[in-house]
Protein backbone atom coordinates (compact mmCIF):
# COMPACT_ATOMS: atom_id res chain seq x y z
CA MET A 1 39.42 -12.35 62.75
CA ILE A 2 37.45 -9.36 62.34
CA LYS A 3 39.56 -8.67 58.96
CA LYS A 4 39.18 -12.38 57.90
CA ILE A 5 35.22 -11.74 58.17
CA ILE A 6 34.95 -8.12 56.43
CA VAL A 7 37.27 -10.07 53.58
CA SER A 8 35.14 -12.87 53.23
CA ALA A 9 32.08 -10.91 53.40
CA LEU A 10 33.21 -8.35 50.64
CA LEU A 11 34.71 -11.37 48.51
CA ALA A 12 31.18 -13.06 48.88
CA LEU A 13 29.34 -9.80 47.91
CA SER A 14 31.53 -9.48 44.74
CA LEU A 15 30.88 -12.95 43.64
CA THR A 16 27.17 -12.61 44.10
CA ALA A 17 27.23 -9.08 42.02
CA CYS A 18 29.09 -10.74 39.43
CA GLY A 19 26.70 -13.92 39.37
CA GLU A 20 23.99 -11.62 39.16
CA LYS A 21 25.65 -9.61 36.57
CA GLU A 22 26.32 -12.68 34.44
CA GLN A 23 22.88 -14.24 35.10
CA ALA A 24 21.17 -10.84 33.67
CA THR A 25 23.41 -10.77 30.45
CA THR A 26 22.59 -14.40 30.09
CA SER A 27 19.02 -13.71 30.35
CA ALA A 28 19.32 -10.62 27.70
CA GLY A 29 21.32 -12.68 25.71
CA THR A 30 18.38 -15.23 25.41
CA VAL A 31 15.46 -12.86 24.54
CA GLU A 32 17.91 -11.23 21.87
CA GLN A 33 18.34 -14.52 20.19
CA GLN A 34 15.23 -15.82 20.29
CA THR A 35 13.74 -16.55 17.13
CA TYR A 36 10.16 -15.35 15.65
CA LYS A 37 8.67 -17.08 13.05
CA TRP A 38 5.89 -15.04 11.39
CA LYS A 39 3.47 -15.64 8.65
CA MET A 40 2.32 -12.90 6.04
CA VAL A 41 -0.83 -13.03 4.23
CA THR A 42 -1.27 -11.14 1.21
CA THR A 43 -3.92 -9.71 -0.89
CA TRP A 44 -2.14 -10.28 -4.08
CA PRO A 45 -1.58 -13.87 -5.89
CA LYS A 46 1.72 -15.44 -4.90
CA ASN A 47 4.82 -13.70 -6.73
CA PHE A 48 2.62 -11.59 -8.79
CA PRO A 49 4.91 -9.05 -10.30
CA GLY A 50 5.67 -5.84 -7.69
CA LEU A 51 2.79 -6.73 -5.90
CA GLY A 52 3.36 -9.97 -4.79
CA THR A 53 7.34 -10.12 -5.11
CA SER A 54 7.57 -6.90 -2.61
CA PRO A 55 6.24 -8.87 0.31
CA GLU A 56 8.98 -11.62 -0.33
CA LYS A 57 11.68 -9.05 -0.79
CA PHE A 58 10.82 -7.51 2.60
CA ALA A 59 10.82 -11.05 4.19
CA LYS A 60 14.00 -11.77 2.71
CA MET A 61 15.32 -8.26 3.79
CA VAL A 62 14.12 -9.20 7.47
CA ASP A 63 15.68 -12.29 7.70
CA GLU A 64 19.06 -10.91 6.41
CA MET A 65 19.22 -8.02 8.66
CA THR A 66 18.45 -9.86 11.91
CA ASP A 67 20.36 -12.73 11.06
CA GLY A 68 17.49 -15.24 10.81
CA GLN A 69 16.36 -13.96 14.32
CA ILE A 70 12.79 -12.93 12.31
CA GLN A 71 11.59 -15.79 9.65
CA ILE A 72 8.83 -14.58 7.73
CA LYS A 73 6.75 -16.85 5.35
CA VAL A 74 4.38 -15.16 2.86
CA TYR A 75 1.37 -16.77 1.87
CA GLY A 76 -0.43 -15.34 -1.75
CA ALA A 77 -4.25 -14.42 -2.06
CA GLY A 78 -6.18 -17.53 -0.78
CA ASP A 79 -3.35 -19.60 0.04
CA LEU A 80 -4.10 -19.07 3.83
CA VAL A 81 -6.68 -16.38 3.97
CA PRO A 82 -8.79 -15.18 1.20
CA ALA A 83 -7.41 -11.56 -0.31
CA LEU A 84 -10.08 -9.25 1.37
CA GLU A 85 -9.94 -10.95 4.89
CA VAL A 86 -6.47 -10.17 5.12
CA PHE A 87 -6.93 -7.30 7.49
CA ASP A 88 -9.23 -9.40 10.11
CA ALA A 89 -6.41 -12.21 10.09
CA VAL A 90 -3.80 -9.86 11.30
CA SER A 91 -6.15 -8.01 13.75
CA GLN A 92 -7.10 -10.85 15.30
CA GLY A 93 -3.52 -12.42 15.57
CA SER A 94 -4.06 -15.47 13.44
CA VAL A 95 -1.08 -13.92 11.52
CA GLU A 96 1.64 -11.46 12.41
CA LEU A 97 1.59 -9.59 8.98
CA GLY A 98 -0.38 -8.64 5.88
CA HIS A 99 0.30 -6.81 2.74
CA GLY A 100 -2.39 -4.93 0.89
CA ALA A 101 -4.17 -1.86 0.20
CA SER A 102 -5.87 0.27 2.81
CA TYR A 103 -8.88 1.08 0.68
CA TYR A 104 -10.21 -1.82 0.95
CA TRP A 105 -10.86 -1.98 4.43
CA LYS A 106 -13.05 1.15 4.15
CA GLY A 107 -15.98 -0.76 5.48
CA LYS A 108 -14.34 -0.77 8.67
CA ALA A 109 -12.56 2.63 8.98
CA PRO A 110 -13.90 5.07 6.44
CA ALA A 111 -10.65 6.88 6.95
CA ALA A 112 -8.55 4.20 5.59
CA GLN A 113 -9.41 5.22 2.33
CA PHE A 114 -6.89 8.32 2.30
CA PHE A 115 -4.06 6.04 2.83
CA THR A 116 -3.95 4.17 -0.58
CA SER A 117 -5.47 7.14 -2.70
CA VAL A 118 -7.32 9.54 -3.10
CA PRO A 119 -9.09 10.81 -6.50
CA PHE A 120 -7.12 13.71 -8.36
CA GLY A 121 -4.95 13.20 -4.98
CA LEU A 122 -1.38 13.07 -4.30
CA ASN A 123 1.28 11.19 -6.48
CA ALA A 124 3.95 8.62 -4.97
CA GLN A 125 6.53 11.51 -3.92
CA GLU A 126 3.86 13.74 -2.41
CA MET A 127 2.21 11.04 -0.80
CA ASN A 128 5.40 9.70 1.05
CA SER A 129 5.83 13.24 1.87
CA TRP A 130 2.81 13.62 3.55
CA LEU A 131 2.97 10.27 5.47
CA TYR A 132 6.50 10.66 6.67
CA TYR A 133 6.89 14.47 7.39
CA GLY A 134 3.01 15.95 6.72
CA GLY A 135 1.29 14.06 9.72
CA GLY A 136 -0.46 11.12 7.38
CA MET A 137 1.51 8.30 9.41
CA ALA A 138 0.22 9.55 12.85
CA LEU A 139 -3.26 9.76 11.52
CA TRP A 140 -3.07 6.08 10.17
CA GLN A 141 -1.91 4.69 12.98
CA GLU A 142 -4.91 6.33 14.85
CA THR A 143 -7.49 4.83 12.22
CA TYR A 144 -5.93 1.30 13.02
CA ALA A 145 -5.55 1.42 16.38
CA PRO A 146 -9.12 0.22 17.38
CA PHE A 147 -8.19 -3.21 15.35
CA ASN A 148 -4.94 -3.84 17.10
CA VAL A 149 -3.05 -3.00 14.08
CA VAL A 150 0.11 -1.16 13.12
CA PRO A 151 0.36 0.04 9.86
CA LEU A 152 3.53 1.03 7.54
CA ALA A 153 3.97 2.20 3.91
CA GLY A 154 5.03 -0.82 2.20
CA GLY A 155 5.26 0.01 -1.73
CA ASN A 156 4.12 2.68 -4.21
CA THR A 157 3.01 1.82 -8.05
CA GLY A 158 3.10 5.35 -9.03
CA VAL A 159 0.31 6.88 -11.06
CA GLN A 160 -1.81 4.11 -12.68
CA MET A 161 -3.77 3.58 -15.89
CA ALA A 162 -7.53 4.44 -15.94
CA GLY A 163 -8.21 0.76 -16.93
CA TRP A 164 -9.31 -1.65 -19.50
CA PHE A 165 -12.77 -1.25 -20.90
CA ASN A 166 -14.92 -3.29 -23.55
CA LYS A 167 -16.63 0.01 -24.98
CA GLU A 168 -15.21 3.39 -25.67
CA ILE A 169 -15.58 6.04 -23.29
CA ASN A 170 -16.30 9.57 -25.20
CA SER A 171 -18.59 11.19 -22.78
CA VAL A 172 -20.06 10.74 -19.27
CA ASP A 173 -23.05 9.28 -20.29
CA ASP A 174 -20.82 6.11 -21.55
CA LEU A 175 -20.24 5.66 -17.91
CA THR A 176 -24.01 5.10 -17.08
CA GLY A 177 -24.57 1.18 -16.49
CA LEU A 178 -20.98 0.67 -16.75
CA LYS A 179 -20.02 -2.33 -14.27
CA MET A 180 -16.26 -1.51 -13.60
CA ARG A 181 -14.18 -2.92 -10.70
CA ILE A 182 -12.73 -0.39 -9.06
CA PRO A 183 -12.30 0.19 -5.59
CA GLY A 184 -12.48 2.56 -2.64
CA LEU A 185 -13.29 6.39 -3.30
CA GLY A 186 -12.83 5.77 -7.18
CA GLY A 187 -15.76 3.06 -7.16
CA GLU A 188 -17.91 5.65 -5.42
CA VAL A 189 -17.39 8.45 -8.02
CA LEU A 190 -18.17 5.85 -10.65
CA SER A 191 -21.11 4.83 -9.03
CA SER A 192 -22.33 8.12 -8.51
CA LEU A 193 -22.14 9.09 -12.23
CA GLY A 194 -24.26 6.32 -12.83
CA GLY A 195 -21.73 3.31 -12.97
CA THR A 196 -21.66 0.25 -11.00
CA ALA A 197 -18.32 -0.25 -8.96
CA VAL A 198 -17.27 -3.73 -8.25
CA ASN A 199 -14.64 -4.93 -5.93
CA ILE A 200 -13.10 -8.39 -7.12
CA PRO A 201 -9.47 -9.54 -6.11
CA GLY A 202 -7.14 -9.31 -8.71
CA GLY A 203 -6.89 -12.93 -9.32
CA GLU A 204 -10.31 -13.00 -10.60
CA LEU A 205 -10.38 -9.87 -12.88
CA TYR A 206 -9.19 -11.91 -16.15
CA THR A 207 -12.41 -14.54 -15.85
CA ALA A 208 -14.38 -11.49 -15.01
CA LEU A 209 -14.03 -9.69 -17.95
CA GLN A 210 -13.66 -12.43 -20.12
CA THR A 211 -17.14 -13.56 -19.28
CA GLY A 212 -18.91 -10.15 -19.28
CA VAL A 213 -19.43 -10.09 -15.26
CA ILE A 214 -17.71 -6.82 -15.55
CA ASP A 215 -17.56 -4.32 -18.77
CA ALA A 216 -14.31 -2.74 -17.54
CA THR A 217 -11.52 -3.02 -14.67
CA GLU A 218 -8.77 -0.83 -13.37
CA TRP A 219 -5.94 -2.92 -11.91
CA VAL A 220 -2.57 -1.22 -11.82
CA GLY A 221 -0.48 -0.23 -14.99
CA PRO A 222 1.23 -1.90 -17.96
CA TRP A 223 3.73 -4.08 -16.20
CA ASN A 224 0.86 -5.60 -14.28
CA ASP A 225 -1.29 -5.34 -16.61
CA LEU A 226 0.40 -7.08 -19.14
CA ALA A 227 1.26 -10.39 -16.65
CA PHE A 228 -2.51 -10.83 -16.29
CA GLY A 229 -3.12 -10.83 -20.16
CA PHE A 230 -6.01 -8.30 -20.17
CA TYR A 231 -5.37 -7.25 -24.04
CA GLN A 232 -6.90 -10.41 -24.60
CA VAL A 233 -10.36 -9.77 -23.24
CA ALA A 234 -10.59 -6.03 -23.23
CA GLU A 235 -10.27 -3.93 -26.60
CA TYR A 236 -9.44 -0.15 -25.00
CA TYR A 237 -6.90 0.69 -22.65
CA TYR A 238 -7.48 4.31 -21.15
CA TYR A 239 -5.34 6.56 -19.27
CA PRO A 240 -4.76 8.96 -16.80
CA GLY A 241 -5.34 6.89 -13.80
CA TRP A 242 -7.49 9.81 -11.98
CA HIS A 243 -8.59 7.27 -9.24
CA GLU A 244 -5.19 6.23 -8.16
CA THR A 245 -2.47 8.79 -8.61
CA GLY A 246 0.16 7.41 -6.56
CA SER A 247 -1.04 4.51 -4.79
CA THR A 248 0.78 3.57 -1.34
CA LEU A 249 0.43 -0.35 -0.77
CA GLU A 250 0.59 -1.35 2.94
CA LEU A 251 2.39 -3.72 5.81
CA ILE A 252 0.25 -4.46 8.40
CA ILE A 253 1.49 -5.86 11.51
CA ASN A 254 -0.26 -7.07 14.57
CA LYS A 255 0.24 -4.79 17.59
CA ASP A 256 0.93 -7.73 20.10
CA ALA A 257 3.22 -9.27 17.72
CA LEU A 258 5.41 -6.29 17.20
CA ALA A 259 5.67 -5.29 20.99
CA SER A 260 6.92 -8.68 21.38
CA LEU A 261 10.01 -8.08 19.31
CA PRO A 262 13.24 -6.41 21.16
CA PRO A 263 13.53 -2.56 19.94
CA ARG A 264 16.72 -3.36 17.89
CA LEU A 265 14.22 -5.88 15.81
CA GLN A 266 11.53 -3.63 15.60
CA LYS A 267 13.68 -0.72 14.13
CA ILE A 268 14.61 -3.45 11.86
CA VAL A 269 11.10 -4.07 10.48
CA GLU A 270 10.34 -0.43 10.23
CA VAL A 271 13.57 0.16 8.01
CA ALA A 272 13.02 -2.91 5.92
CA ALA A 273 9.61 -1.42 5.18
CA ARG A 274 10.49 1.73 4.36
CA ALA A 275 13.31 0.14 2.09
CA VAL A 276 10.63 -1.78 0.26
CA ASN A 277 8.30 1.03 -0.27
CA GLN A 278 10.88 2.89 -2.26
CA ASP A 279 12.01 -0.23 -4.01
CA MET A 280 8.43 -1.24 -5.27
CA LEU A 281 8.62 2.53 -6.92
CA ASP A 282 11.93 2.43 -8.38
CA GLU A 283 10.76 -0.96 -10.25
CA TYR A 284 7.33 -0.18 -11.18
CA THR A 285 8.84 3.29 -12.79
CA ALA A 286 11.42 1.15 -14.63
CA LYS A 287 9.22 -2.17 -15.73
CA ASN A 288 5.86 0.06 -16.68
CA ASN A 289 7.66 1.60 -19.73
CA ASP A 290 9.01 -1.89 -21.58
CA ALA A 291 5.87 -3.26 -20.79
CA LEU A 292 3.66 -0.46 -22.34
CA ASN A 293 5.74 -0.66 -25.52
CA THR A 294 4.87 -4.39 -25.58
CA LEU A 295 1.49 -3.80 -25.56
CA ILE A 296 0.90 -1.56 -27.98
CA ASN A 297 3.49 -2.58 -30.35
CA GLU A 298 3.07 -6.40 -30.06
CA HIS A 299 -0.41 -6.63 -29.28
CA GLY A 300 -1.65 -3.67 -30.82
CA VAL A 301 -3.33 -2.08 -27.71
CA LYS A 302 -5.68 0.74 -28.18
CA VAL A 303 -4.42 3.27 -25.79
CA ARG A 304 -6.93 5.97 -25.22
CA LYS A 305 -6.98 9.27 -23.16
CA LEU A 306 -10.38 10.21 -21.43
CA PRO A 307 -11.97 13.04 -22.66
CA ASP A 308 -11.31 16.06 -20.65
CA ASP A 309 -14.86 17.08 -20.00
CA VAL A 310 -15.25 13.43 -18.80
CA LEU A 311 -12.15 13.86 -16.30
CA ALA A 312 -13.91 17.37 -15.32
CA GLU A 313 -17.15 15.68 -14.43
CA LEU A 314 -14.90 12.73 -12.27
CA HIS A 315 -12.95 15.36 -10.54
CA ALA A 316 -16.36 17.38 -9.57
CA ALA A 317 -18.14 14.03 -8.35
CA SER A 318 -14.58 12.79 -6.57
CA ASN A 319 -14.69 16.57 -4.71
CA LYS A 320 -18.30 15.74 -3.57
CA ALA A 321 -17.43 12.13 -2.71
CA LEU A 322 -14.43 13.66 -0.11
CA ALA A 323 -16.75 16.41 1.44
CA ASP A 324 -19.50 13.70 1.97
CA LEU A 325 -17.00 11.43 3.54
CA ALA A 326 -15.42 13.89 5.95
CA GLU A 327 -18.63 15.06 6.72
CA ASN A 328 -20.10 11.36 7.83
CA ASP A 329 -17.26 10.73 9.85
CA GLU A 330 -15.05 12.48 12.58
CA LEU A 331 -11.68 10.57 11.84
CA SER A 332 -12.18 11.00 7.96
CA LYS A 333 -12.75 14.83 8.69
CA LYS A 334 -9.43 15.25 10.40
CA THR A 335 -7.71 12.98 8.23
CA TYR A 336 -9.05 14.85 5.12
CA GLU A 337 -8.21 18.18 6.39
CA SER A 338 -4.63 17.39 6.95
CA PHE A 339 -4.50 15.41 3.56
CA LYS A 340 -5.81 18.61 1.81
CA LYS A 341 -4.14 21.14 3.27
CA PHE A 342 -0.88 19.40 2.72
CA ALA A 343 -1.87 18.74 -1.07
CA GLU A 344 -2.61 22.48 -1.72
CA GLY A 345 1.05 23.47 -0.58
CA VAL A 346 2.53 20.65 -2.30
CA LYS A 347 0.67 21.32 -5.98
CA ASN A 348 1.56 25.14 -5.46
CA TYR A 349 5.31 24.51 -4.83
CA HIS A 350 5.13 21.40 -7.83
CA ARG A 351 3.86 24.19 -10.43
CA TYR A 352 7.16 25.90 -9.97
CA SER A 353 9.13 22.28 -9.62
CA GLU A 354 7.97 19.28 -10.88
CA GLN A 355 5.13 20.39 -13.18
CA ALA A 356 7.18 23.19 -14.61
CA TYR A 357 10.32 21.04 -15.40
CA TYR A 358 7.91 18.48 -17.11
CA GLU A 359 6.15 20.99 -19.35
CA ALA A 360 10.14 22.40 -20.17
CA ARG A 361 11.47 18.79 -20.84
CA ASP A 362 8.14 18.35 -23.56
CA LEU A 363 9.42 21.61 -25.30
CA ASN A 364 11.37 20.00 -27.73
CA ALA A 365 10.64 16.44 -26.98
CA ASN A 366 10.10 15.55 -30.99
């Protein structure tokens, strides 16, 4: 009888343990198979080449990598929220994701400007290195933490063009009174030299140039500028893009939404962003080549280099703007020190590598 009782008790314990294990597995499986339907808002027109198509690529990649567990619907600027309200929408949790550029949010966090581009700063290769291996990403996360937002690098355009102008720039005096669409630190530099910086969403730039609301605009580069048709409303196309030397775009995620995902899905989102970040740079490098030829050879665009003395004045004004920013905001100071230290090191190395190679390659270019 005692043996029967012991056997029955052991059998009951075994069945209970198996039941608990099965329940736990079922519970974990239910969580793992949950479907997440997210919304992404962007600062770009829907499906605009490069800027607008990269968020779509990200959404598709995440869908495929998660077997449909994360489904992201992408909205262009103005479809769900205005272009310059993307950050607020993500911060407040109205949507889970946003795609844009960090310098648009300088009014909320001055240090945010460092994570798109700094005048005369790092190029795309160098920006990625600073973010991923130089401490930049940790500073970016710290900058956005008070807003319940998590940033990820979400693309890079490479070195941009200086912009489209309706008058020639022969000296720094020609910047006086110039009304130009130019965001971020570049806009502050222009203003310090007598110009007027205006921040207008991309979709409104053509009309603004056409009607004289602005005298000049920077946007991105040949591929995007051709798509917007700026050659029809502006006479001169200037280079180099001193203000945006390797512009990083951002994917921003509501922190609570990201935390709601199982670790496996969080990692997929991170890896997909990393892939899209590189893919955008690759695509811009390829597409800008053909677009520049089209602008020059088919549309007769006058491409001009900014005079060296103008670039020198812009550089000096940029240094002052950065110093002022660091002096007036503690997190900006911390970020600037990291950025500057990395820039000094990588520029020294690139004198012997990338820069030296470009110079050697051009020796017999003709």
